[in-house]
PDB file of N, CA and C in Angstrom:
ATOM      1  N   MET A   1     -41.579  62.911  30.592  1.00  0.00           N
ATOM      2  CA  MET A   1     -41.398  64.033  31.487  1.00  0.00           C
ATOM      3  C   MET A   1     -40.152  63.736  32.328  1.00  0.00           C
ATOM      4  N   ASN A   2     -39.243  64.701  32.421  1.00  0.00           N
ATOM      5  CA  ASN A   2     -38.019  64.444  33.169  1.00  0.00           C
ATOM      6  C   ASN A   2     -38.246  64.643  34.665  1.00  0.00           C
ATOM      7  N   THR A   3     -37.265  64.229  35.440  1.00  0.00           N
ATOM      8  CA  THR A   3     -37.374  64.258  36.895  1.00  0.00           C
ATOM      9  C   THR A   3     -37.553  65.669  37.415  1.00  0.00           C
ATOM     10  N   GLU A   4     -36.818  66.598  36.884  1.00  0.00           N
ATOM     11  CA  GLU A   4     -36.886  67.981  37.361  1.00  0.00           C
ATOM     12  C   GLU A   4     -38.266  68.574  37.110  1.00  0.00           C
ATOM     13  N   THR A   5     -38.837  68.299  35.949  1.00  0.00           N
ATOM     14  CA  THR A   5     -40.173  68.803  35.640  1.00  0.00           C
ATOM     15  C   THR A   5     -41.204  68.187  36.575  1.00  0.00           C
ATOM     16  N   THR A   6     -41.080  66.898  36.843  1.00  0.00           N
ATOM     17  CA  THR A   6     -42.009  66.217  37.740  1.00  0.00           C
ATOM     18  C   THR A   6     -41.931  66.801  39.141  1.00  0.00           C
ATOM     19  N   LYS A   7     -40.724  67.041  39.617  1.00  0.00           N
ATOM     20  CA  LYS A   7     -40.553  67.622  40.949  1.00  0.00           C
ATOM     21  C   LYS A   7     -41.145  69.022  41.001  1.00  0.00           C
ATOM     22  N   THR A   8     -40.912  69.808  39.973  1.00  0.00           N
ATOM     23  CA  THR A   8     -41.437  71.167  39.924  1.00  0.00           C
ATOM     24  C   THR A   8     -42.961  71.151  39.932  1.00  0.00           C
ATOM     25  N   LEU A   9     -43.554  70.236  39.164  1.00  0.00           N
ATOM     26  CA  LEU A   9     -45.008  70.130  39.139  1.00  0.00           C
ATOM     27  C   LEU A   9     -45.561  69.721  40.495  1.00  0.00           C
ATOM     28  N   ALA A  10     -44.903  68.779  41.165  1.00  0.00           N
ATOM     29  CA  ALA A  10     -45.364  68.323  42.485  1.00  0.00           C
ATOM     30  C   ALA A  10     -45.287  69.467  43.496  1.00  0.00           C
ATOM     31  N   ILE A  11     -44.185  70.181  43.486  1.00  0.00           N
ATOM     32  CA  ILE A  11     -44.016  71.299  44.415  1.00  0.00           C
ATOM     33  C   ILE A  11     -45.043  72.389  44.104  1.00  0.00           C
ATOM     34  N   GLY A  12     -45.261  72.658  42.836  1.00  0.00           N
ATOM     35  CA  GLY A  12     -46.251  73.659  42.437  1.00  0.00           C
ATOM     36  C   GLY A  12     -47.657  73.277  42.867  1.00  0.00           C
ATOM     37  N   ALA A  13     -47.989  72.001  42.747  1.00  0.00           N
ATOM     38  CA  ALA A  13     -49.322  71.545  43.151  1.00  0.00           C
ATOM     39  C   ALA A  13     -49.524  71.706  44.655  1.00  0.00           C
ATOM     40  N   VAL A  14     -48.513  71.336  45.432  1.00  0.00           N
ATOM     41  CA  VAL A  14     -48.616  71.467  46.890  1.00  0.00           C
ATOM     42  C   VAL A  14     -48.699  72.934  47.284  1.00  0.00           C
ATOM     43  N   THR A  15     -47.860  73.749  46.678  1.00  0.00           N
ATOM     44  CA  THR A  15     -47.878  75.186  46.977  1.00  0.00           C
ATOM     45  C   THR A  15     -49.226  75.788  46.609  1.00  0.00           C
ATOM     46  N   GLY A  16     -49.755  75.425  45.466  1.00  0.00           N
ATOM     47  CA  GLY A  16     -51.058  75.928  45.040  1.00  0.00           C
ATOM     48  C   GLY A  16     -52.164  75.534  45.999  1.00  0.00           C
ATOM     49  N   ALA A  17     -52.107  74.305  46.482  1.00  0.00           N
ATOM     50  CA  ALA A  17     -53.123  73.860  47.444  1.00  0.00           C
ATOM     51  C   ALA A  17     -53.041  74.663  48.737  1.00  0.00           C
ATOM     52  N   LEU A  18     -51.832  74.918  49.193  1.00  0.00           N
ATOM     53  CA  LEU A  18     -51.662  75.680  50.430  1.00  0.00           C
ATOM     54  C   LEU A  18     -52.117  77.130  50.263  1.00  0.00           C
ATOM     55  N   VAL A  19     -51.759  77.736  49.142  1.00  0.00           N
ATOM     56  CA  VAL A  19     -52.183  79.114  48.879  1.00  0.00           C
ATOM     57  C   VAL A  19     -53.708  79.160  48.765  1.00  0.00           C
ATOM     58  N   GLY A  20     -54.280  78.181  48.093  1.00  0.00           N
ATOM     59  CA  GLY A  20     -55.733  78.115  47.953  1.00  0.00           C
ATOM     60  C   GLY A  20     -56.422  78.008  49.307  1.00  0.00           C
ATOM     61  N   ALA A  21     -55.847  77.220  50.206  1.00  0.00           N
ATOM     62  CA  ALA A  21     -56.427  77.096  51.549  1.00  0.00           C
ATOM     63  C   ALA A  21     -56.370  78.439  52.279  1.00  0.00           C
ATOM     64  N   GLY A  22     -55.266  79.133  52.134  1.00  0.00           N
ATOM     65  CA  GLY A  22     -55.145  80.446  52.773  1.00  0.00           C
ATOM     66  C   GLY A  22     -56.145  81.442  52.227  1.00  0.00           C
ATOM     67  N   VAL A  23     -56.328  81.457  50.931  1.00  0.00           N
ATOM     68  CA  VAL A  23     -57.293  82.368  50.308  1.00  0.00           C
ATOM     69  C   VAL A  23     -58.708  82.004  50.750  1.00  0.00           C
ATOM     70  N   ALA A  24     -58.996  80.718  50.834  1.00  0.00           N
ATOM     71  CA  ALA A  24     -60.323  80.283  51.265  1.00  0.00           C
ATOM     72  C   ALA A  24     -60.625  80.783  52.675  1.00  0.00           C
ATOM     73  N   VAL A  25     -59.605  80.749  53.531  1.00  0.00           N
ATOM     74  CA  VAL A  25     -59.794  81.244  54.895  1.00  0.00           C
ATOM     75  C   VAL A  25     -60.088  82.738  54.879  1.00  0.00           C
ATOM     76  N   LEU A  26     -59.378  83.469  54.020  1.00  0.00           N
ATOM     77  CA  LEU A  26     -59.558  84.912  53.972  1.00  0.00           C
ATOM     78  C   LEU A  26     -60.916  85.330  53.415  1.00  0.00           C
ATOM     79  N   VAL A  27     -61.438  84.620  52.448  1.00  0.00           N
ATOM     80  CA  VAL A  27     -62.689  85.028  51.820  1.00  0.00           C
ATOM     81  C   VAL A  27     -63.916  84.394  52.464  1.00  0.00           C
ATOM     82  N   ALA A  28     -63.719  83.458  53.363  1.00  0.00           N
ATOM     83  CA  ALA A  28     -64.862  82.849  54.051  1.00  0.00           C
ATOM     84  C   ALA A  28     -65.519  83.898  54.939  1.00  0.00           C
ATOM     85  N   PRO A  29     -66.844  83.899  55.000  1.00  0.00           N
ATOM     86  CA  PRO A  29     -67.533  84.915  55.805  1.00  0.00           C
ATOM     87  C   PRO A  29     -67.362  84.661  57.311  1.00  0.00           C
ATOM     88  N   GLN A  30     -66.411  85.354  57.895  1.00  0.00           N
ATOM     89  CA  GLN A  30     -66.153  85.276  59.329  1.00  0.00           C
ATOM     90  C   GLN A  30     -65.803  86.667  59.825  1.00  0.00           C
ATOM     91  N   GLN A  31     -65.858  86.823  61.115  1.00  0.00           N
ATOM     92  CA  GLN A  31     -65.457  88.104  61.678  1.00  0.00           C
ATOM     93  C   GLN A  31     -63.948  88.259  61.530  1.00  0.00           C
ATOM     94  N   GLY A  32     -63.477  89.497  61.468  1.00  0.00           N
ATOM     95  CA  GLY A  32     -62.066  89.795  61.232  1.00  0.00           C
ATOM     96  C   GLY A  32     -61.119  89.098  62.187  1.00  0.00           C
ATOM     97  N   ALA A  33     -61.352  89.169  63.475  1.00  0.00           N
ATOM     98  CA  ALA A  33     -60.443  88.551  64.450  1.00  0.00           C
ATOM     99  C   ALA A  33     -60.435  87.041  64.299  1.00  0.00           C
ATOM    100  N   LYS A  34     -61.607  86.485  64.065  1.00  0.00           N
ATOM    101  CA  LYS A  34     -61.709  85.042  63.902  1.00  0.00           C
ATOM    102  C   LYS A  34     -60.963  84.601  62.634  1.00  0.00           C
ATOM    103  N   ALA A  35     -61.107  85.392  61.564  1.00  0.00           N
ATOM    104  CA  ALA A  35     -60.424  85.077  60.308  1.00  0.00           C
ATOM    105  C   ALA A  35     -58.916  85.169  60.478  1.00  0.00           C
ATOM    106  N   ARG A  36     -58.445  86.180  61.188  1.00  0.00           N
ATOM    107  CA  ARG A  36     -56.997  86.318  61.406  1.00  0.00           C
ATOM    108  C   ARG A  36     -56.460  85.159  62.239  1.00  0.00           C
ATOM    109  N   ALA A  37     -57.229  84.744  63.236  1.00  0.00           N
ATOM    110  CA  ALA A  37     -56.808  83.611  64.067  1.00  0.00           C
ATOM    111  C   ALA A  37     -56.737  82.341  63.231  1.00  0.00           C
ATOM    112  N   LYS A  38     -57.727  82.153  62.398  1.00  0.00           N
ATOM    113  CA  LYS A  38     -57.747  80.974  61.528  1.00  0.00           C
ATOM    114  C   LYS A  38     -56.570  81.007  60.557  1.00  0.00           C
ATOM    115  N   LEU A  39     -56.288  82.174  59.990  1.00  0.00           N
ATOM    116  CA  LEU A  39     -55.158  82.317  59.083  1.00  0.00           C
ATOM    117  C   LEU A  39     -53.850  82.043  59.805  1.00  0.00           C
ATOM    118  N   ALA A  40     -53.729  82.489  61.038  1.00  0.00           N
ATOM    119  CA  ALA A  40     -52.519  82.230  61.828  1.00  0.00           C
ATOM    120  C   ALA A  40     -52.357  80.731  62.050  1.00  0.00           C
ATOM    121  N   GLN A  41     -53.455  80.024  62.284  1.00  0.00           N
ATOM    122  CA  GLN A  41     -53.383  78.580  62.461  1.00  0.00           C
ATOM    123  C   GLN A  41     -52.917  77.897  61.179  1.00  0.00           C
ATOM    124  N   VAL A  42     -53.487  78.324  60.069  1.00  0.00           N
ATOM    125  CA  VAL A  42     -53.111  77.744  58.781  1.00  0.00           C
ATOM    126  C   VAL A  42     -51.642  78.029  58.482  1.00  0.00           C
ATOM    127  N   THR A  43     -51.203  79.252  58.760  1.00  0.00           N
ATOM    128  CA  THR A  43     -49.806  79.625  58.528  1.00  0.00           C
ATOM    129  C   THR A  43     -48.878  78.768  59.375  1.00  0.00           C
ATOM    130  N   GLU A  44     -49.224  78.563  60.619  1.00  0.00           N
ATOM    131  CA  GLU A  44     -48.402  77.730  61.498  1.00  0.00           C
ATOM    132  C   GLU A  44     -48.373  76.287  61.007  1.00  0.00           C
ATOM    133  N   LEU A  45     -49.516  75.808  60.553  1.00  0.00           N
ATOM    134  CA  LEU A  45     -49.584  74.458  60.017  1.00  0.00           C
ATOM    135  C   LEU A  45     -48.686  74.319  58.793  1.00  0.00           C
ATOM    136  N   VAL A  46     -48.695  75.317  57.928  1.00  0.00           N
ATOM    137  CA  VAL A  46     -47.841  75.296  56.735  1.00  0.00           C
ATOM    138  C   VAL A  46     -46.370  75.288  57.144  1.00  0.00           C
ATOM    139  N   ARG A  47     -46.026  76.095  58.146  1.00  0.00           N
ATOM    140  CA  ARG A  47     -44.633  76.124  58.610  1.00  0.00           C
ATOM    141  C   ARG A  47     -44.210  74.760  59.150  1.00  0.00           C
ATOM    142  N   GLU A  48     -45.112  74.124  59.881  1.00  0.00           N
ATOM    143  CA  GLU A  48     -44.793  72.831  60.475  1.00  0.00           C
ATOM    144  C   GLU A  48     -44.750  71.718  59.437  1.00  0.00           C
ATOM    145  N   LYS A  49     -45.740  71.687  58.603  1.00  0.00           N
ATOM    146  CA  LYS A  49     -45.914  70.564  57.675  1.00  0.00           C
ATOM    147  C   LYS A  49     -45.313  70.805  56.302  1.00  0.00           C
ATOM    148  N   GLY A  50     -44.983  72.040  55.978  1.00  0.00           N
ATOM    149  CA  GLY A  50     -44.455  72.369  54.649  1.00  0.00           C
ATOM    150  C   GLY A  50     -43.250  71.542  54.244  1.00  0.00           C
ATOM    151  N   PRO A  51     -42.211  71.464  55.097  1.00  0.00           N
ATOM    152  CA  PRO A  51     -41.050  70.671  54.706  1.00  0.00           C
ATOM    153  C   PRO A  51     -41.383  69.188  54.484  1.00  0.00           C
ATOM    154  N   MET A  52     -42.266  68.642  55.341  1.00  0.00           N
ATOM    155  CA  MET A  52     -42.649  67.249  55.176  1.00  0.00           C
ATOM    156  C   MET A  52     -43.420  67.067  53.866  1.00  0.00           C
ATOM    157  N   ILE A  53     -44.322  68.005  53.561  1.00  0.00           N
ATOM    158  CA  ILE A  53     -45.089  67.929  52.321  1.00  0.00           C
ATOM    159  C   ILE A  53     -44.148  68.038  51.123  1.00  0.00           C
ATOM    160  N   ASN A  54     -43.181  68.920  51.220  1.00  0.00           N
ATOM    161  CA  ASN A  54     -42.192  69.075  50.151  1.00  0.00           C
ATOM    162  C   ASN A  54     -41.416  67.774  49.951  1.00  0.00           C
ATOM    163  N   GLU A  55     -40.982  67.175  51.048  1.00  0.00           N
ATOM    164  CA  GLU A  55     -40.236  65.914  50.970  1.00  0.00           C
ATOM    165  C   GLU A  55     -41.090  64.815  50.354  1.00  0.00           C
ATOM    166  N   LYS A  56     -42.346  64.737  50.783  1.00  0.00           N
ATOM    167  CA  LYS A  56     -43.256  63.725  50.226  1.00  0.00           C
ATOM    168  C   LYS A  56     -43.486  63.974  48.738  1.00  0.00           C
ATOM    169  N   GLY A  57     -43.569  65.235  48.359  1.00  0.00           N
ATOM    170  CA  GLY A  57     -43.719  65.560  46.943  1.00  0.00           C
ATOM    171  C   GLY A  57     -42.543  65.063  46.126  1.00  0.00           C
ATOM    172  N   HIS A  58     -41.345  65.231  46.673  1.00  0.00           N
ATOM    173  CA  HIS A  58     -40.144  64.730  45.988  1.00  0.00           C
ATOM    174  C   HIS A  58     -40.160  63.205  45.920  1.00  0.00           C
ATOM    175  N   GLU A  59     -40.577  62.561  47.004  1.00  0.00           N
ATOM    176  CA  GLU A  59     -40.646  61.096  47.009  1.00  0.00           C
ATOM    177  C   GLU A  59     -41.647  60.601  45.971  1.00  0.00           C
ATOM    178  N   ILE A  60     -42.791  61.277  45.895  1.00  0.00           N
ATOM    179  CA  ILE A  60     -43.806  60.887  44.914  1.00  0.00           C
ATOM    180  C   ILE A  60     -43.262  61.068  43.495  1.00  0.00           C
ATOM    181  N   ALA A  61     -42.556  62.157  43.276  1.00  0.00           N
ATOM    182  CA  ALA A  61     -41.971  62.402  41.944  1.00  0.00           C
ATOM    183  C   ALA A  61     -40.964  61.310  41.593  1.00  0.00           C
ATOM    184  N   GLU A  62     -40.138  60.915  42.556  1.00  0.00           N
ATOM    185  CA  GLU A  62     -39.151  59.857  42.308  1.00  0.00           C
ATOM    186  C   GLU A  62     -39.844  58.532  42.005  1.00  0.00           C
ATOM    187  N   LYS A  63     -40.872  58.206  42.784  1.00  0.00           N
ATOM    188  CA  LYS A  63     -41.619  56.962  42.543  1.00  0.00           C
ATOM    189  C   LYS A  63     -42.277  57.002  41.170  1.00  0.00           C
ATOM    190  N   GLY A  64     -42.776  58.178  40.804  1.00  0.00           N
ATOM    191  CA  GLY A  64     -43.373  58.326  39.482  1.00  0.00           C
ATOM    192  C   GLY A  64     -42.369  58.043  38.376  1.00  0.00           C
ATOM    193  N   GLN A  65     -41.152  58.518  38.557  1.00  0.00           N
ATOM    194  CA  GLN A  65     -40.108  58.260  37.567  1.00  0.00           C
ATOM    195  C   GLN A  65     -39.770  56.773  37.505  1.00  0.00           C
ATOM    196  N   GLU A  66     -39.763  56.111  38.655  1.00  0.00           N
ATOM    197  CA  GLU A  66     -39.511  54.667  38.672  1.00  0.00           C
ATOM    198  C   GLU A  66     -40.604  53.930  37.906  1.00  0.00           C
ATOM    199  N   VAL A  67     -41.853  54.323  38.142  1.00  0.00           N
ATOM    200  CA  VAL A  67     -42.976  53.693  37.454  1.00  0.00           C
ATOM    201  C   VAL A  67     -42.868  53.917  35.950  1.00  0.00           C
ATOM    202  N   VAL A  68     -42.517  55.124  35.553  1.00  0.00           N
ATOM    203  CA  VAL A  68     -42.353  55.422  34.128  1.00  0.00           C
ATOM    204  C   VAL A  68     -41.268  54.526  33.526  1.00  0.00           C
ATOM    205  N   GLY A  69     -40.169  54.347  34.250  1.00  0.00           N
ATOM    206  CA  GLY A  69     -39.091  53.479  33.761  1.00  0.00           C
ATOM    207  C   GLY A  69     -39.554  52.047  33.587  1.00  0.00           C
ATOM    208  N   VAL A  70     -40.282  51.541  34.567  1.00  0.00           N
ATOM    209  CA  VAL A  70     -40.781  50.167  34.488  1.00  0.00           C
ATOM    210  C   VAL A  70     -41.763  50.021  33.333  1.00  0.00           C
ATOM    211  N   LEU A  71     -42.641  51.015  33.163  1.00  0.00           N
ATOM    212  CA  LEU A  71     -43.604  50.957  32.066  1.00  0.00           C
ATOM    213  C   LEU A  71     -42.911  50.984  30.704  1.00  0.00           C
ATOM    214  N   LYS A  72     -41.879  51.816  30.580  1.00  0.00           N
ATOM    215  CA  LYS A  72     -41.144  51.871  29.311  1.00  0.00           C
ATOM    216  C   LYS A  72     -40.477  50.531  29.026  1.00  0.00           C
ATOM    217  N   GLU A  73     -39.888  49.933  30.053  1.00  0.00           N
ATOM    218  CA  GLU A  73     -39.233  48.632  29.895  1.00  0.00           C
ATOM    219  C   GLU A  73     -40.263  47.565  29.511  1.00  0.00           C
ATOM    220  N   SER A  74     -41.416  47.583  30.161  1.00  0.00           N
ATOM    221  CA  SER A  74     -42.480  46.620  29.862  1.00  0.00           C
ATOM    222  C   SER A  74     -42.983  46.789  28.436  1.00  0.00           C
ATOM    223  N   LEU A  75     -43.130  48.023  28.016  1.00  0.00           N
ATOM    224  CA  LEU A  75     -43.582  48.290  26.657  1.00  0.00           C
ATOM    225  C   LEU A  75     -42.571  47.772  25.642  1.00  0.00           C
ATOM    226  N   SER A  76     -41.304  47.979  25.931  1.00  0.00           N
ATOM    227  CA  SER A  76     -40.258  47.492  25.039  1.00  0.00           C
ATOM    228  C   SER A  76     -40.294  45.967  24.951  1.00  0.00           C
ATOM    229  N   THR A  77     -40.470  45.314  26.089  1.00  0.00           N
ATOM    230  CA  THR A  77     -40.549  43.850  26.112  1.00  0.00           C
ATOM    231  C   THR A  77     -41.759  43.369  25.324  1.00  0.00           C
ATOM    232  N   ALA A  78     -42.892  44.049  25.494  1.00  0.00           N
ATOM    233  CA  ALA A  78     -44.105  43.670  24.770  1.00  0.00           C
ATOM    234  C   ALA A  78     -43.913  43.837  23.260  1.00  0.00           C
ATOM    235  N   LYS A  79     -43.251  44.914  22.859  1.00  0.00           N
ATOM    236  CA  LYS A  79     -42.991  45.122  21.427  1.00  0.00           C
ATOM    237  C   LYS A  79     -42.082  44.022  20.879  1.00  0.00           C
ATOM    238  N   ASP A  80     -41.053  43.660  21.653  1.00  0.00           N
ATOM    239  CA  ASP A  80     -40.163  42.574  21.224  1.00  0.00           C
ATOM    240  C   ASP A  80     -40.933  41.267  21.086  1.00  0.00           C
ATOM    241  N   PHE A  81     -41.798  40.981  22.057  1.00  0.00           N
ATOM    242  CA  PHE A  81     -42.601  39.762  22.010  1.00  0.00           C
ATOM    243  C   PHE A  81     -43.506  39.769  20.785  1.00  0.00           C
ATOM    244  N   LYS A  82     -44.116  40.913  20.497  1.00  0.00           N
ATOM    245  CA  LYS A  82     -45.000  41.021  19.339  1.00  0.00           C
ATOM    246  C   LYS A  82     -44.234  40.735  18.050  1.00  0.00           C
ATOM    247  N   THR A  83     -43.049  41.299  17.941  1.00  0.00           N
ATOM    248  CA  THR A  83     -42.231  41.100  16.752  1.00  0.00           C
ATOM    249  C   THR A  83     -41.882  39.626  16.589  1.00  0.00           C
ATOM    250  N   GLU A  84     -41.480  38.994  17.689  1.00  0.00           N
ATOM    251  CA  GLU A  84     -41.123  37.575  17.630  1.00  0.00           C
ATOM    252  C   GLU A  84     -42.341  36.721  17.296  1.00  0.00           C
ATOM    253  N   ALA A  85     -43.490  37.052  17.856  1.00  0.00           N
ATOM    254  CA  ALA A  85     -44.715  36.296  17.585  1.00  0.00           C
ATOM    255  C   ALA A  85     -45.110  36.441  16.115  1.00  0.00           C
ATOM    256  N   GLN A  86     -45.001  37.653  15.577  1.00  0.00           N
ATOM    257  CA  GLN A  86     -45.331  37.861  14.174  1.00  0.00           C
ATOM    258  C   GLN A  86     -44.386  37.070  13.268  1.00  0.00           C
ATOM    259  N   SER A  87     -43.141  37.040  13.630  1.00  0.00           N
ATOM    260  CA  SER A  87     -42.161  36.282  12.858  1.00  0.00           C
ATOM    261  C   SER A  87     -42.483  34.790  12.900  1.00  0.00           C
ATOM    262  N   ALA A  88     -42.811  34.284  14.081  1.00  0.00           N
ATOM    263  CA  ALA A  88     -43.148  32.871  14.228  1.00  0.00           C
ATOM    264  C   ALA A  88     -44.400  32.526  13.431  1.00  0.00           C
ATOM    265  N   VAL A  89     -45.396  33.393  13.468  1.00  0.00           N
ATOM    266  CA  VAL A  89     -46.624  33.166  12.700  1.00  0.00           C
ATOM    267  C   VAL A  89     -46.297  33.119  11.208  1.00  0.00           C
ATOM    268  N   GLY A  90     -45.465  34.031  10.756  1.00  0.00           N
ATOM    269  CA  GLY A  90     -45.062  34.043   9.348  1.00  0.00           C
ATOM    270  C   GLY A  90     -44.352  32.757   8.952  1.00  0.00           C
ATOM    271  N   GLU A  91     -43.488  32.274   9.829  1.00  0.00           N
ATOM    272  CA  GLU A  91     -42.765  31.022   9.544  1.00  0.00           C
ATOM    273  C   GLU A  91     -43.736  29.842   9.482  1.00  0.00           C
ATOM    274  N   VAL A  92     -44.681  29.795  10.402  1.00  0.00           N
ATOM    275  CA  VAL A  92     -45.653  28.704  10.403  1.00  0.00           C
ATOM    276  C   VAL A  92     -46.497  28.752   9.134  1.00  0.00           C
ATOM    277  N   LYS A  93     -46.949  29.938   8.756  1.00  0.00           N
ATOM    278  CA  LYS A  93     -47.736  30.080   7.525  1.00  0.00           C
ATOM    279  C   LYS A  93     -46.937  29.605   6.319  1.00  0.00           C
ATOM    280  N   SER A  94     -45.664  29.983   6.294  1.00  0.00           N
ATOM    281  CA  SER A  94     -44.805  29.580   5.185  1.00  0.00           C
ATOM    282  C   SER A  94     -44.633  28.064   5.149  1.00  0.00           C
ATOM    283  N   GLU A  95     -44.436  27.456   6.292  1.00  0.00           N
ATOM    284  CA  GLU A  95     -44.284  25.994   6.370  1.00  0.00           C
ATOM    285  C   GLU A  95     -45.556  25.296   5.894  1.00  0.00           C
ATOM    286  N   ILE A  96     -46.714  25.839   6.312  1.00  0.00           N
ATOM    287  CA  ILE A  96     -47.986  25.244   5.894  1.00  0.00           C
ATOM    288  C   ILE A  96     -48.152  25.376   4.395  1.00  0.00           C
ATOM    289  N   GLN A  97     -47.817  26.542   3.861  1.00  0.00           N
ATOM    290  CA  GLN A  97     -47.907  26.768   2.409  1.00  0.00           C
ATOM    291  C   GLN A  97     -46.991  25.800   1.665  1.00  0.00           C
ATOM    292  N   ASP A  98     -45.759  25.673   2.142  1.00  0.00           N
ATOM    293  CA  ASP A  98     -44.809  24.747   1.502  1.00  0.00           C
ATOM    294  C   ASP A  98     -45.329  23.316   1.546  1.00  0.00           C
ATOM    295  N   PHE A  99     -45.891  22.936   2.697  1.00  0.00           N
ATOM    296  CA  PHE A  99     -46.414  21.584   2.848  1.00  0.00           C
ATOM    297  C   PHE A  99     -47.554  21.340   1.867  1.00  0.00           C
ATOM    298  N   LYS A 100     -48.467  22.322   1.780  1.00  0.00           N
ATOM    299  CA  LYS A 100     -49.601  22.185   0.867  1.00  0.00           C
ATOM    300  C   LYS A 100     -49.126  22.061  -0.575  1.00  0.00           C
ATOM    301  N   GLN A 101     -48.156  22.906  -0.938  1.00  0.00           N
ATOM    302  CA  GLN A 101     -47.659  22.885  -2.315  1.00  0.00           C
ATOM    303  C   GLN A 101     -46.957  21.565  -2.621  1.00  0.00           C
ATOM    304  N   SER A 102     -46.149  21.102  -1.724  1.00  0.00           N
ATOM    305  CA  SER A 102     -45.430  19.849  -1.978  1.00  0.00           C
ATOM    306  C   SER A 102     -46.395  18.677  -1.969  1.00  0.00           C
ATOM    307  N   HIS A 103     -47.419  18.748  -1.152  1.00  0.00           N
ATOM    308  CA  HIS A 103     -48.384  17.672  -1.067  1.00  0.00           C
ATOM    309  C   HIS A 103     -49.261  17.638  -2.316  1.00  0.00           C
ATOM    310  N   ASN A 104     -49.634  18.821  -2.809  1.00  0.00           N
ATOM    311  CA  ASN A 104     -50.462  18.909  -4.006  1.00  0.00           C
ATOM    312  C   ASN A 104     -49.670  18.598  -5.258  1.00  0.00           C
ATOM    313  N   SER A 105     -48.390  18.914  -5.300  1.00  0.00           N
ATOM    314  CA  SER A 105     -47.595  18.696  -6.508  1.00  0.00           C
ATOM    315  C   SER A 105     -47.246  17.230  -6.694  1.00  0.00           C
ATOM    316  N   THR A 106     -47.233  16.457  -5.629  1.00  0.00           N
ATOM    317  CA  THR A 106     -46.933  15.025  -5.772  1.00  0.00           C
ATOM    318  C   THR A 106     -48.158  14.276  -6.223  1.00  0.00           C
ATOM    319  N   GLY A 107     -49.309  14.908  -6.143  1.00  0.00           N
ATOM    320  CA  GLY A 107     -50.531  14.292  -6.622  1.00  0.00           C
ATOM    321  C   GLY A 107     -51.082  13.267  -5.667  1.00  0.00           C
ATOM    322  N   SER A 108     -50.452  13.113  -4.570  1.00  0.00           N
ATOM    323  CA  SER A 108     -50.972  12.125  -3.626  1.00  0.00           C
ATOM    324  C   SER A 108     -51.873  12.816  -2.622  1.00  0.00           C
ATOM    325  N   GLY A 109     -52.994  12.256  -2.467  1.00  0.00           N
ATOM    326  CA  GLY A 109     -53.954  12.763  -1.514  1.00  0.00           C
ATOM    327  C   GLY A 109     -53.896  11.910  -0.272  1.00  0.00           C
ATOM    328  N   PRO A 110     -54.838  12.069   0.570  1.00  0.00           N
ATOM    329  CA  PRO A 110     -54.851  11.243   1.762  1.00  0.00           C
ATOM    330  C   PRO A 110     -55.084   9.789   1.382  1.00  0.00           C
ATOM    331  N   ALA A 111     -54.425   8.923   2.037  1.00  0.00           N
ATOM    332  CA  ALA A 111     -54.540   7.497   1.740  1.00  0.00           C
ATOM    333  C   ALA A 111     -55.884   7.001   2.233  1.00  0.00           C
ATOM    334  N   THR A 112     -56.536   6.221   1.363  1.00  0.00           N
ATOM    335  CA  THR A 112     -57.805   5.641   1.749  1.00  0.00           C
ATOM    336  C   THR A 112     -57.664   4.140   1.798  1.00  0.00           C
ATOM    337  N   MET A 113     -58.309   3.552   2.687  1.00  0.00           N
ATOM    338  CA  MET A 113     -58.226   2.088   2.809  1.00  0.00           C
ATOM    339  C   MET A 113     -59.556   1.479   2.686  1.00  0.00           C
TER     340      MET A 113
END
């Protein structure tokens, strides 16, 4: 997921939460004046906190991108390690096979005393 998509999703989630809170205030069973007062409070809160929430959303999106980068790098390192380990195992198996064949072809077994 690219940075722009992540930022858009974060902003959309915050906006959706705020709109949902406003709708909840409107549909909650309260008297009209009380509901309007509550909505005015929520609106003022959104005006005050909206920019900060937006900024935090952008920060979270940026941190998410950093985490994705680190995870991709870690995955690449793990794949490289796996490849090297498989190669080393193959070499060891080959050495053991060669040793067994050379040991068996000379006809000499373990020395007994």
